[in-house]
Amino acid sequence: MGGLGVANPSSDANFDYTSSVKVTAPLVEQIVAQVHQLPEDFLIRSIQQEVKAERAKNLEKRAERPKEVAPQKTLRALDLATEKGSSMWLTSLPLKEMGFNLNQREFRDGLSLRYDWSITNIPSTCLCGEPFTIDHAMICMRGGFVIQRHNEVRDLDAELLNMVCKHLTTFNTYIALIRMRSKRFTSIVLQYHLEI
């Protein structure tokens, strides 16, 4: 539903209790009847599916209430947060080699972006002189995010190509363009290195 998946025990306690009673009812009947055989698996599974469907209905009802009073911009953020797969970064293992480990600041900023909250401790103006906003940060050619996204793709390509080509070098595009304009660096770049 777009949240962090942390339930409020006091509001869910009654539903959880009734669900537990429903799911364990066949076992209770077997115990009361002193039958030394477990209930059929298909019976328990069908009750569990009913409980899951009922829980999903309740969650959808609760998710609709905030959307009725939210402003348009926040409503868009809520819609994006509830799309399938949008919560994967919250539940993935923080593996350093995969880049999934977030420090406290990155996690807080991620939540702020997810729920359209204001991000604290950011500069008021960008390097290019424009007011620094989240939207501007994603498109500014001097701010770094465009270059950062380019470099991530470049590094992934380099990692895959490095499995095949052993003499592979990557370099910053901006520095490379300056060097390419200078005649003495052009031959060095073209002679020995596969450029990405």
N, C-alpha and C. Protein backbone atom coordinates (compact mmCIF):
# COMPACT_ATOMS: atom_id res chain seq x y z
N MET A 1 0.81 -1.20 0.00
CA MET A 1 0.00 0.00 0.00
C MET A 1 0.85 1.26 0.00
N GLY A 2 2.16 1.11 -0.08
CA GLY A 2 3.01 2.28 -0.17
C GLY A 2 3.66 2.69 1.13
N GLY A 3 3.34 2.03 2.22
CA GLY A 3 3.94 2.39 3.50
C GLY A 3 5.22 1.63 3.74
N LEU A 4 5.69 1.72 4.96
CA LEU A 4 6.91 1.02 5.32
C LEU A 4 6.65 -0.42 5.72
N GLY A 5 5.40 -0.80 5.82
CA GLY A 5 5.07 -2.17 6.17
C GLY A 5 5.14 -2.43 7.66
N VAL A 6 5.17 -1.36 8.46
CA VAL A 6 5.19 -1.52 9.91
C VAL A 6 3.76 -1.33 10.41
N ALA A 7 3.19 -2.41 10.92
CA ALA A 7 1.79 -2.37 11.36
C ALA A 7 1.68 -1.80 12.76
N ASN A 8 0.53 -1.20 13.05
CA ASN A 8 0.23 -0.70 14.39
C ASN A 8 -0.46 -1.84 15.15
N PRO A 9 0.19 -2.43 16.13
CA PRO A 9 -0.40 -3.59 16.81
C PRO A 9 -1.74 -3.32 17.46
N SER A 10 -1.94 -2.12 17.98
CA SER A 10 -3.20 -1.85 18.67
C SER A 10 -4.38 -1.79 17.70
N SER A 11 -4.15 -1.32 16.47
CA SER A 11 -5.28 -1.25 15.54
C SER A 11 -5.49 -2.58 14.82
N ASP A 12 -4.48 -3.42 14.75
CA ASP A 12 -4.60 -4.70 14.04
C ASP A 12 -4.89 -5.87 14.96
N ALA A 13 -4.89 -5.65 16.26
CA ALA A 13 -5.00 -6.77 17.21
C ALA A 13 -6.31 -7.53 17.07
N ASN A 14 -7.44 -6.83 16.95
CA ASN A 14 -8.73 -7.52 16.84
C ASN A 14 -8.80 -8.37 15.58
N PHE A 15 -8.36 -7.81 14.45
CA PHE A 15 -8.40 -8.56 13.20
C PHE A 15 -7.47 -9.76 13.26
N ASP A 16 -6.28 -9.57 13.84
CA ASP A 16 -5.33 -10.68 13.94
C ASP A 16 -5.87 -11.80 14.83
N TYR A 17 -6.57 -11.42 15.90
CA TYR A 17 -7.14 -12.44 16.79
C TYR A 17 -8.22 -13.25 16.08
N THR A 18 -9.14 -12.55 15.41
CA THR A 18 -10.21 -13.28 14.71
C THR A 18 -9.64 -14.13 13.57
N SER A 19 -8.60 -13.63 12.90
CA SER A 19 -7.97 -14.42 11.84
C SER A 19 -7.34 -15.68 12.42
N SER A 20 -6.68 -15.53 13.55
CA SER A 20 -6.05 -16.68 14.20
C SER A 20 -7.08 -17.73 14.60
N VAL A 21 -8.22 -17.26 15.11
CA VAL A 21 -9.29 -18.18 15.51
C VAL A 21 -9.82 -18.93 14.29
N LYS A 22 -10.00 -18.21 13.17
CA LYS A 22 -10.50 -18.85 11.94
C LYS A 22 -9.53 -19.90 11.42
N VAL A 23 -8.25 -19.57 11.38
CA VAL A 23 -7.26 -20.48 10.80
C VAL A 23 -7.07 -21.71 11.67
N THR A 24 -7.12 -21.55 12.97
CA THR A 24 -6.88 -22.70 13.86
C THR A 24 -8.15 -23.47 14.22
N ALA A 25 -9.31 -23.04 13.72
CA ALA A 25 -10.57 -23.72 14.05
C ALA A 25 -10.56 -25.21 13.69
N PRO A 26 -10.09 -25.63 12.51
CA PRO A 26 -10.07 -27.07 12.22
C PRO A 26 -9.18 -27.86 13.19
N LEU A 27 -8.07 -27.29 13.59
CA LEU A 27 -7.19 -27.97 14.54
C LEU A 27 -7.86 -28.07 15.90
N VAL A 28 -8.54 -27.02 16.32
CA VAL A 28 -9.25 -27.03 17.61
C VAL A 28 -10.33 -28.11 17.60
N GLU A 29 -11.04 -28.23 16.47
CA GLU A 29 -12.07 -29.27 16.36
C GLU A 29 -11.46 -30.67 16.51
N GLN A 30 -10.30 -30.88 15.89
CA GLN A 30 -9.63 -32.17 15.99
C GLN A 30 -9.19 -32.46 17.43
N ILE A 31 -8.71 -31.42 18.11
CA ILE A 31 -8.26 -31.60 19.50
C ILE A 31 -9.44 -31.91 20.41
N VAL A 32 -10.55 -31.18 20.24
CA VAL A 32 -11.74 -31.40 21.08
C VAL A 32 -12.31 -32.79 20.85
N ALA A 33 -12.28 -33.24 19.59
CA ALA A 33 -12.82 -34.57 19.27
C ALA A 33 -11.83 -35.68 19.61
N GLN A 34 -10.64 -35.34 20.11
CA GLN A 34 -9.61 -36.30 20.48
C GLN A 34 -9.21 -37.19 19.30
N VAL A 35 -9.16 -36.56 18.12
CA VAL A 35 -8.72 -37.27 16.92
C VAL A 35 -7.21 -37.08 16.80
N HIS A 36 -6.49 -38.16 16.60
CA HIS A 36 -5.03 -38.08 16.54
C HIS A 36 -4.54 -37.94 15.10
N GLN A 37 -5.19 -37.05 14.37
CA GLN A 37 -4.82 -36.80 12.98
C GLN A 37 -4.96 -35.30 12.72
N LEU A 38 -4.00 -34.75 12.01
CA LEU A 38 -4.06 -33.32 11.69
C LEU A 38 -5.14 -33.05 10.66
N PRO A 39 -5.71 -31.84 10.68
CA PRO A 39 -6.71 -31.51 9.66
C PRO A 39 -6.08 -31.49 8.26
N GLU A 40 -6.91 -31.59 7.25
CA GLU A 40 -6.44 -31.60 5.86
C GLU A 40 -5.77 -30.26 5.52
N ASP A 41 -4.67 -30.35 4.78
CA ASP A 41 -3.92 -29.15 4.40
C ASP A 41 -4.73 -28.20 3.52
N PHE A 42 -5.52 -28.77 2.58
CA PHE A 42 -6.28 -27.91 1.68
C PHE A 42 -7.30 -27.07 2.44
N LEU A 43 -7.84 -27.62 3.55
CA LEU A 43 -8.82 -26.88 4.35
C LEU A 43 -8.15 -25.68 5.02
N ILE A 44 -6.97 -25.90 5.60
CA ILE A 44 -6.24 -24.80 6.26
C ILE A 44 -5.80 -23.76 5.24
N ARG A 45 -5.32 -24.22 4.07
CA ARG A 45 -4.88 -23.27 3.03
C ARG A 45 -6.02 -22.40 2.54
N SER A 46 -7.19 -22.99 2.37
CA SER A 46 -8.34 -22.19 1.89
C SER A 46 -8.74 -21.13 2.92
N ILE A 47 -8.68 -21.46 4.20
CA ILE A 47 -8.99 -20.48 5.24
C ILE A 47 -7.93 -19.39 5.27
N GLN A 48 -6.65 -19.76 5.11
CA GLN A 48 -5.58 -18.76 5.08
C GLN A 48 -5.74 -17.81 3.90
N GLN A 49 -6.15 -18.33 2.75
CA GLN A 49 -6.37 -17.47 1.58
C GLN A 49 -7.53 -16.50 1.82
N GLU A 50 -8.58 -16.97 2.48
CA GLU A 50 -9.70 -16.09 2.81
C GLU A 50 -9.24 -14.95 3.73
N VAL A 51 -8.43 -15.30 4.72
CA VAL A 51 -7.93 -14.29 5.66
C VAL A 51 -7.03 -13.29 4.93
N LYS A 52 -6.17 -13.76 4.02
CA LYS A 52 -5.31 -12.85 3.25
C LYS A 52 -6.13 -11.91 2.39
N ALA A 53 -7.16 -12.43 1.76
CA ALA A 53 -8.02 -11.59 0.91
C ALA A 53 -8.73 -10.54 1.74
N GLU A 54 -9.20 -10.93 2.91
CA GLU A 54 -9.88 -9.98 3.80
C GLU A 54 -8.91 -8.90 4.30
N ARG A 55 -7.69 -9.30 4.61
CA ARG A 55 -6.66 -8.34 5.05
C ARG A 55 -6.34 -7.35 3.92
N ALA A 56 -6.23 -7.85 2.70
CA ALA A 56 -5.94 -6.97 1.56
C ALA A 56 -7.07 -5.96 1.35
N LYS A 57 -8.31 -6.42 1.52
CA LYS A 57 -9.46 -5.50 1.39
C LYS A 57 -9.41 -4.40 2.44
N ASN A 58 -9.11 -4.79 3.68
CA ASN A 58 -9.01 -3.80 4.76
C ASN A 58 -7.90 -2.79 4.51
N LEU A 59 -6.75 -3.28 4.01
CA LEU A 59 -5.65 -2.37 3.71
C LEU A 59 -6.00 -1.39 2.59
N GLU A 60 -6.70 -1.87 1.58
CA GLU A 60 -7.10 -0.98 0.49
C GLU A 60 -8.06 0.09 0.98
N LYS A 61 -8.97 -0.28 1.86
CA LYS A 61 -9.90 0.71 2.42
C LYS A 61 -9.14 1.77 3.22
N ARG A 62 -8.17 1.31 4.02
CA ARG A 62 -7.40 2.26 4.82
C ARG A 62 -6.52 3.15 3.95
N ALA A 63 -6.05 2.62 2.82
CA ALA A 63 -5.19 3.40 1.93
C ALA A 63 -5.96 4.47 1.18
N GLU A 64 -7.24 4.29 1.00
CA GLU A 64 -8.05 5.26 0.27
C GLU A 64 -8.32 6.52 1.09
N ARG A 65 -8.39 6.40 2.40
CA ARG A 65 -8.70 7.56 3.24
C ARG A 65 -7.70 8.71 3.09
N PRO A 66 -6.38 8.48 3.18
CA PRO A 66 -5.46 9.60 3.02
C PRO A 66 -5.49 10.21 1.62
N LYS A 67 -5.78 9.40 0.61
CA LYS A 67 -5.82 9.90 -0.76
C LYS A 67 -6.97 10.89 -0.99
N GLU A 68 -8.02 10.76 -0.21
CA GLU A 68 -9.17 11.66 -0.36
C GLU A 68 -8.85 13.08 0.09
N VAL A 69 -7.93 13.24 1.04
CA VAL A 69 -7.64 14.57 1.58
C VAL A 69 -6.27 15.11 1.15
N ALA A 70 -5.50 14.31 0.43
CA ALA A 70 -4.14 14.73 0.06
C ALA A 70 -4.17 15.74 -1.09
N PRO A 71 -3.23 16.71 -1.09
CA PRO A 71 -3.12 17.62 -2.24
C PRO A 71 -2.64 16.86 -3.48
N GLN A 72 -2.77 17.47 -4.64
CA GLN A 72 -2.48 16.80 -5.92
C GLN A 72 -1.04 16.29 -6.00
N LYS A 73 -0.07 17.11 -5.57
CA LYS A 73 1.34 16.69 -5.66
C LYS A 73 1.62 15.50 -4.74
N THR A 74 1.07 15.53 -3.54
CA THR A 74 1.25 14.42 -2.61
C THR A 74 0.51 13.17 -3.11
N LEU A 75 -0.62 13.38 -3.75
CA LEU A 75 -1.38 12.27 -4.30
C LEU A 75 -0.56 11.53 -5.37
N ARG A 76 0.16 12.28 -6.18
CA ARG A 76 1.02 11.68 -7.20
C ARG A 76 2.14 10.87 -6.53
N ALA A 77 2.73 11.41 -5.47
CA ALA A 77 3.78 10.69 -4.74
C ALA A 77 3.23 9.41 -4.11
N LEU A 78 2.01 9.47 -3.59
CA LEU A 78 1.39 8.29 -3.00
C LEU A 78 1.11 7.23 -4.07
N ASP A 79 0.67 7.67 -5.25
CA ASP A 79 0.43 6.72 -6.33
C ASP A 79 1.71 6.02 -6.75
N LEU A 80 2.80 6.78 -6.86
CA LEU A 80 4.08 6.18 -7.22
C LEU A 80 4.57 5.23 -6.14
N ALA A 81 4.34 5.59 -4.87
CA ALA A 81 4.80 4.76 -3.76
C ALA A 81 4.03 3.45 -3.66
N THR A 82 2.82 3.40 -4.21
CA THR A 82 2.02 2.18 -4.12
C THR A 82 2.15 1.28 -5.34
N GLU A 83 2.96 1.69 -6.33
CA GLU A 83 3.15 0.83 -7.49
C GLU A 83 3.92 -0.42 -7.10
N LYS A 84 3.67 -1.47 -7.84
CA LYS A 84 4.32 -2.75 -7.55
C LYS A 84 5.83 -2.61 -7.71
N GLY A 85 6.56 -3.08 -6.71
CA GLY A 85 8.02 -3.04 -6.76
C GLY A 85 8.64 -1.77 -6.21
N SER A 86 7.84 -0.77 -5.87
CA SER A 86 8.41 0.49 -5.41
C SER A 86 8.96 0.41 -3.99
N SER A 87 8.63 -0.62 -3.26
CA SER A 87 9.12 -0.77 -1.89
C SER A 87 10.31 -1.72 -1.79
N MET A 88 10.81 -2.18 -2.91
CA MET A 88 11.89 -3.16 -2.88
C MET A 88 13.14 -2.64 -2.17
N TRP A 89 13.43 -1.37 -2.29
CA TRP A 89 14.64 -0.84 -1.66
C TRP A 89 14.51 -0.83 -0.14
N LEU A 90 13.28 -0.88 0.38
CA LEU A 90 13.09 -0.91 1.82
C LEU A 90 13.32 -2.29 2.41
N THR A 91 13.12 -3.33 1.60
CA THR A 91 13.21 -4.68 2.12
C THR A 91 14.41 -5.46 1.60
N SER A 92 15.23 -4.85 0.75
CA SER A 92 16.39 -5.57 0.21
C SER A 92 17.50 -5.65 1.26
N LEU A 93 18.33 -6.66 1.13
CA LEU A 93 19.46 -6.80 2.05
C LEU A 93 20.48 -5.71 1.77
N PRO A 94 21.06 -5.09 2.80
CA PRO A 94 22.02 -4.00 2.58
C PRO A 94 23.40 -4.52 2.18
N LEU A 95 23.50 -5.05 0.96
CA LEU A 95 24.76 -5.60 0.47
C LEU A 95 25.63 -4.48 -0.09
N LYS A 96 26.82 -4.36 0.47
CA LYS A 96 27.72 -3.28 0.06
C LYS A 96 28.19 -3.44 -1.38
N GLU A 97 28.50 -4.67 -1.79
CA GLU A 97 29.01 -4.87 -3.15
C GLU A 97 27.96 -4.60 -4.22
N MET A 98 26.69 -4.63 -3.86
CA MET A 98 25.62 -4.32 -4.81
C MET A 98 25.17 -2.86 -4.72
N GLY A 99 25.72 -2.11 -3.78
CA GLY A 99 25.35 -0.71 -3.62
C GLY A 99 24.02 -0.52 -2.90
N PHE A 100 23.58 -1.54 -2.14
CA PHE A 100 22.31 -1.46 -1.45
C PHE A 100 22.43 -0.97 -0.01
N ASN A 101 23.63 -0.68 0.45
CA ASN A 101 23.79 -0.21 1.82
C ASN A 101 23.59 1.31 1.84
N LEU A 102 22.62 1.76 2.58
CA LEU A 102 22.32 3.18 2.69
C LEU A 102 22.73 3.68 4.06
N ASN A 103 23.36 4.84 4.10
CA ASN A 103 23.62 5.43 5.41
C ASN A 103 22.35 6.13 5.88
N GLN A 104 22.40 6.68 7.08
CA GLN A 104 21.20 7.29 7.67
C GLN A 104 20.67 8.42 6.79
N ARG A 105 21.54 9.23 6.27
CA ARG A 105 21.14 10.38 5.44
C ARG A 105 20.45 9.91 4.15
N GLU A 106 21.03 8.91 3.48
CA GLU A 106 20.45 8.41 2.24
C GLU A 106 19.08 7.78 2.48
N PHE A 107 18.95 7.05 3.59
CA PHE A 107 17.66 6.43 3.91
C PHE A 107 16.61 7.50 4.17
N ARG A 108 16.97 8.52 4.95
CA ARG A 108 16.03 9.60 5.27
C ARG A 108 15.63 10.37 4.00
N ASP A 109 16.61 10.63 3.12
CA ASP A 109 16.31 11.32 1.87
C ASP A 109 15.41 10.47 0.97
N GLY A 110 15.65 9.15 0.97
CA GLY A 110 14.81 8.25 0.18
C GLY A 110 13.37 8.27 0.64
N LEU A 111 13.17 8.27 1.96
CA LEU A 111 11.81 8.35 2.49
C LEU A 111 11.17 9.70 2.16
N SER A 112 11.96 10.76 2.24
CA SER A 112 11.44 12.09 1.92
C SER A 112 11.02 12.18 0.47
N LEU A 113 11.81 11.62 -0.43
CA LEU A 113 11.44 11.61 -1.85
C LEU A 113 10.20 10.76 -2.07
N ARG A 114 10.13 9.65 -1.37
CA ARG A 114 9.00 8.72 -1.55
C ARG A 114 7.68 9.34 -1.15
N TYR A 115 7.68 10.12 -0.07
CA TYR A 115 6.43 10.67 0.45
C TYR A 115 6.29 12.16 0.21
N ASP A 116 7.15 12.73 -0.63
CA ASP A 116 7.07 14.14 -1.01
C ASP A 116 7.21 15.06 0.21
N TRP A 117 8.10 14.68 1.12
CA TRP A 117 8.41 15.54 2.25
C TRP A 117 9.59 16.43 1.84
N SER A 118 9.77 17.52 2.53
CA SER A 118 10.91 18.38 2.20
C SER A 118 12.20 17.73 2.71
N ILE A 119 13.26 17.89 1.93
CA ILE A 119 14.56 17.32 2.29
C ILE A 119 15.36 18.41 3.00
N THR A 120 15.91 18.06 4.14
CA THR A 120 16.65 19.03 4.93
C THR A 120 18.12 19.07 4.53
N ASN A 121 18.78 20.14 4.87
CA ASN A 121 20.22 20.33 4.67
C ASN A 121 20.66 20.20 3.21
N ILE A 122 19.91 20.85 2.32
CA ILE A 122 20.34 20.91 0.93
C ILE A 122 20.64 22.36 0.60
N PRO A 123 21.51 22.61 -0.38
CA PRO A 123 21.84 24.00 -0.72
C PRO A 123 20.64 24.73 -1.31
N SER A 124 20.61 26.05 -1.15
CA SER A 124 19.49 26.82 -1.68
C SER A 124 19.64 27.11 -3.16
N THR A 125 20.88 27.21 -3.64
CA THR A 125 21.10 27.45 -5.07
C THR A 125 22.04 26.38 -5.62
N CYS A 126 21.85 26.06 -6.88
CA CYS A 126 22.65 25.06 -7.58
C CYS A 126 23.95 25.70 -8.07
N LEU A 127 24.88 24.87 -8.52
CA LEU A 127 26.12 25.38 -9.09
C LEU A 127 25.89 26.25 -10.32
N CYS A 128 24.78 25.98 -11.03
CA CYS A 128 24.50 26.74 -12.25
C CYS A 128 23.80 28.07 -11.93
N GLY A 129 23.44 28.32 -10.67
CA GLY A 129 22.81 29.58 -10.28
C GLY A 129 21.30 29.50 -10.13
N GLU A 130 20.68 28.41 -10.55
CA GLU A 130 19.23 28.22 -10.42
C GLU A 130 18.89 27.82 -8.98
N PRO A 131 17.64 28.06 -8.56
CA PRO A 131 17.23 27.56 -7.23
C PRO A 131 17.32 26.03 -7.21
N PHE A 132 17.85 25.50 -6.12
CA PHE A 132 18.07 24.06 -6.02
C PHE A 132 16.81 23.38 -5.52
N THR A 133 16.17 22.62 -6.40
CA THR A 133 15.01 21.80 -6.05
C THR A 133 15.32 20.37 -6.46
N ILE A 134 14.49 19.45 -6.03
CA ILE A 134 14.70 18.05 -6.39
C ILE A 134 14.57 17.88 -7.89
N ASP A 135 13.55 18.51 -8.49
CA ASP A 135 13.36 18.39 -9.94
C ASP A 135 14.56 18.96 -10.69
N HIS A 136 15.07 20.10 -10.23
CA HIS A 136 16.22 20.71 -10.89
C HIS A 136 17.47 19.83 -10.74
N ALA A 137 17.63 19.20 -9.59
CA ALA A 137 18.80 18.36 -9.35
C ALA A 137 18.86 17.19 -10.32
N MET A 138 17.70 16.71 -10.75
CA MET A 138 17.68 15.56 -11.65
C MET A 138 18.01 15.92 -13.09
N ILE A 139 17.87 17.22 -13.46
CA ILE A 139 18.08 17.60 -14.86
C ILE A 139 19.25 18.55 -15.07
N CYS A 140 19.82 19.08 -14.00
CA CYS A 140 20.90 20.06 -14.14
C CYS A 140 22.17 19.38 -14.67
N MET A 141 22.75 19.98 -15.68
CA MET A 141 23.96 19.42 -16.28
C MET A 141 25.21 19.69 -15.45
N ARG A 142 25.15 20.64 -14.54
CA ARG A 142 26.31 20.94 -13.70
C ARG A 142 26.18 20.38 -12.30
N GLY A 143 24.97 19.99 -11.90
CA GLY A 143 24.73 19.56 -10.53
C GLY A 143 25.25 18.18 -10.20
N GLY A 144 25.42 17.33 -11.19
CA GLY A 144 26.03 16.04 -10.92
C GLY A 144 25.15 14.83 -11.10
N PHE A 145 23.82 14.95 -10.97
CA PHE A 145 22.98 13.76 -11.05
C PHE A 145 22.89 13.21 -12.46
N VAL A 146 22.89 14.07 -13.46
CA VAL A 146 22.89 13.59 -14.85
C VAL A 146 24.19 12.84 -15.13
N ILE A 147 25.30 13.42 -14.71
CA ILE A 147 26.60 12.79 -14.90
C ILE A 147 26.70 11.51 -14.08
N GLN A 148 26.15 11.55 -12.86
CA GLN A 148 26.20 10.37 -11.99
C GLN A 148 25.43 9.22 -12.63
N ARG A 149 24.24 9.49 -13.18
CA ARG A 149 23.47 8.43 -13.82
C ARG A 149 24.22 7.89 -15.04
N HIS A 150 24.84 8.79 -15.81
CA HIS A 150 25.64 8.37 -16.97
C HIS A 150 26.79 7.48 -16.52
N ASN A 151 27.48 7.89 -15.47
CA ASN A 151 28.63 7.12 -15.00
C ASN A 151 28.24 5.75 -14.47
N GLU A 152 27.06 5.63 -13.87
CA GLU A 152 26.61 4.33 -13.39
C GLU A 152 26.41 3.37 -14.55
N VAL A 153 25.81 3.85 -15.64
CA VAL A 153 25.62 3.00 -16.82
C VAL A 153 26.98 2.68 -17.44
N ARG A 154 27.86 3.68 -17.53
CA ARG A 154 29.19 3.47 -18.09
C ARG A 154 29.96 2.42 -17.28
N ASP A 155 29.90 2.51 -15.96
CA ASP A 155 30.63 1.58 -15.11
C ASP A 155 30.08 0.16 -15.22
N LEU A 156 28.77 0.04 -15.37
CA LEU A 156 28.17 -1.29 -15.56
C LEU A 156 28.63 -1.88 -16.88
N ASP A 157 28.60 -1.06 -17.94
CA ASP A 157 29.10 -1.53 -19.24
C ASP A 157 30.56 -1.94 -19.13
N ALA A 158 31.36 -1.14 -18.46
CA ALA A 158 32.79 -1.45 -18.32
C ALA A 158 33.00 -2.75 -17.55
N GLU A 159 32.21 -2.97 -16.54
CA GLU A 159 32.34 -4.19 -15.74
C GLU A 159 32.02 -5.42 -16.60
N LEU A 160 30.97 -5.31 -17.41
CA LEU A 160 30.61 -6.44 -18.27
C LEU A 160 31.63 -6.64 -19.38
N LEU A 161 32.10 -5.54 -19.98
CA LEU A 161 33.08 -5.66 -21.05
C LEU A 161 34.44 -6.12 -20.54
N ASN A 162 34.74 -5.83 -19.29
CA ASN A 162 36.01 -6.23 -18.70
C ASN A 162 36.14 -7.74 -18.60
N MET A 163 35.02 -8.44 -18.62
CA MET A 163 35.05 -9.90 -18.61
C MET A 163 35.60 -10.43 -19.93
N VAL A 164 35.44 -9.64 -21.00
CA VAL A 164 35.88 -10.06 -22.32
C VAL A 164 37.18 -9.36 -22.73
N CYS A 165 37.22 -8.06 -22.55
CA CYS A 165 38.38 -7.24 -22.94
C CYS A 165 39.19 -6.93 -21.70
N LYS A 166 40.44 -7.33 -21.70
CA LYS A 166 41.26 -7.16 -20.51
C LYS A 166 41.88 -5.77 -20.39
N HIS A 167 42.07 -5.05 -21.49
CA HIS A 167 42.70 -3.73 -21.45
C HIS A 167 41.63 -2.66 -21.61
N LEU A 168 40.83 -2.50 -20.58
CA LEU A 168 39.71 -1.57 -20.64
C LEU A 168 39.91 -0.48 -19.60
N THR A 169 39.73 0.76 -20.00
CA THR A 169 39.86 1.88 -19.09
C THR A 169 38.66 2.78 -19.25
N THR A 170 38.10 3.20 -18.14
CA THR A 170 37.01 4.19 -18.20
C THR A 170 37.55 5.49 -17.65
N PHE A 171 37.00 6.58 -18.09
CA PHE A 171 37.43 7.88 -17.59
C PHE A 171 36.27 8.84 -17.67
N ASN A 172 36.41 9.90 -16.93
CA ASN A 172 35.38 10.91 -16.86
C ASN A 172 35.19 11.55 -18.23
N THR A 173 33.94 11.61 -18.71
CA THR A 173 33.66 12.11 -20.05
C THR A 173 34.11 13.55 -20.22
N TYR A 174 33.88 14.36 -19.20
CA TYR A 174 34.22 15.79 -19.31
C TYR A 174 35.72 15.97 -19.47
N ILE A 175 36.50 15.26 -18.67
CA ILE A 175 37.96 15.34 -18.76
C ILE A 175 38.42 14.78 -20.11
N ALA A 176 37.77 13.71 -20.54
CA ALA A 176 38.15 13.10 -21.81
C ALA A 176 37.92 14.06 -22.97
N LEU A 177 36.84 14.81 -22.95
CA LEU A 177 36.56 15.75 -24.03
C LEU A 177 37.61 16.85 -24.08
N ILE A 178 38.03 17.31 -22.91
CA ILE A 178 39.08 18.34 -22.88
C ILE A 178 40.38 17.77 -23.44
N ARG A 179 40.71 16.55 -23.06
CA ARG A 179 41.95 15.93 -23.54
C ARG A 179 41.88 15.64 -25.03
N MET A 180 40.72 15.24 -25.52
CA MET A 180 40.58 14.92 -26.93
C MET A 180 40.81 16.16 -27.79
N ARG A 181 40.48 17.32 -27.26
CA ARG A 181 40.69 18.55 -28.01
C ARG A 181 42.18 18.89 -28.10
N SER A 182 42.91 18.43 -27.12
CA SER A 182 44.36 18.65 -27.15
C SER A 182 45.00 17.56 -27.99
N LYS A 183 45.79 17.93 -28.98
CA LYS A 183 46.33 16.97 -29.95
C LYS A 183 47.25 15.95 -29.32
N ARG A 184 47.98 16.30 -28.29
CA ARG A 184 48.96 15.36 -27.75
C ARG A 184 48.31 14.21 -26.99
N PHE A 185 47.09 14.38 -26.46
CA PHE A 185 46.44 13.30 -25.74
C PHE A 185 45.62 12.40 -26.67
N THR A 186 45.25 12.87 -27.82
CA THR A 186 44.38 12.12 -28.72
C THR A 186 44.99 10.78 -29.10
N SER A 187 46.25 10.78 -29.50
CA SER A 187 46.86 9.52 -29.95
C SER A 187 47.00 8.53 -28.81
N ILE A 188 47.25 8.99 -27.59
CA ILE A 188 47.39 8.08 -26.45
C ILE A 188 46.06 7.38 -26.17
N VAL A 189 44.98 8.13 -26.19
CA VAL A 189 43.66 7.56 -25.90
C VAL A 189 43.29 6.55 -26.98
N LEU A 190 43.55 6.85 -28.23
CA LEU A 190 43.13 5.99 -29.31
C LEU A 190 44.02 4.76 -29.49
N GLN A 191 45.29 4.81 -29.04
CA GLN A 191 46.21 3.72 -29.29
C GLN A 191 45.94 2.49 -28.42
N TYR A 192 45.85 2.65 -27.12
CA TYR A 192 45.93 1.48 -26.23
C TYR A 192 44.65 1.14 -25.46
N HIS A 193 43.70 2.04 -25.42
CA HIS A 193 42.56 1.80 -24.54
C HIS A 193 41.26 1.72 -25.31
N LEU A 194 40.42 0.82 -24.89
CA LEU A 194 39.07 0.75 -25.42
C LEU A 194 38.25 1.78 -24.67
N GLU A 195 37.71 2.73 -25.38
CA GLU A 195 36.99 3.84 -24.73
C GLU A 195 35.51 3.50 -24.64
N ILE A 196 34.92 3.83 -23.52
CA ILE A 196 33.47 3.67 -23.35
C ILE A 196 32.85 5.04 -23.32
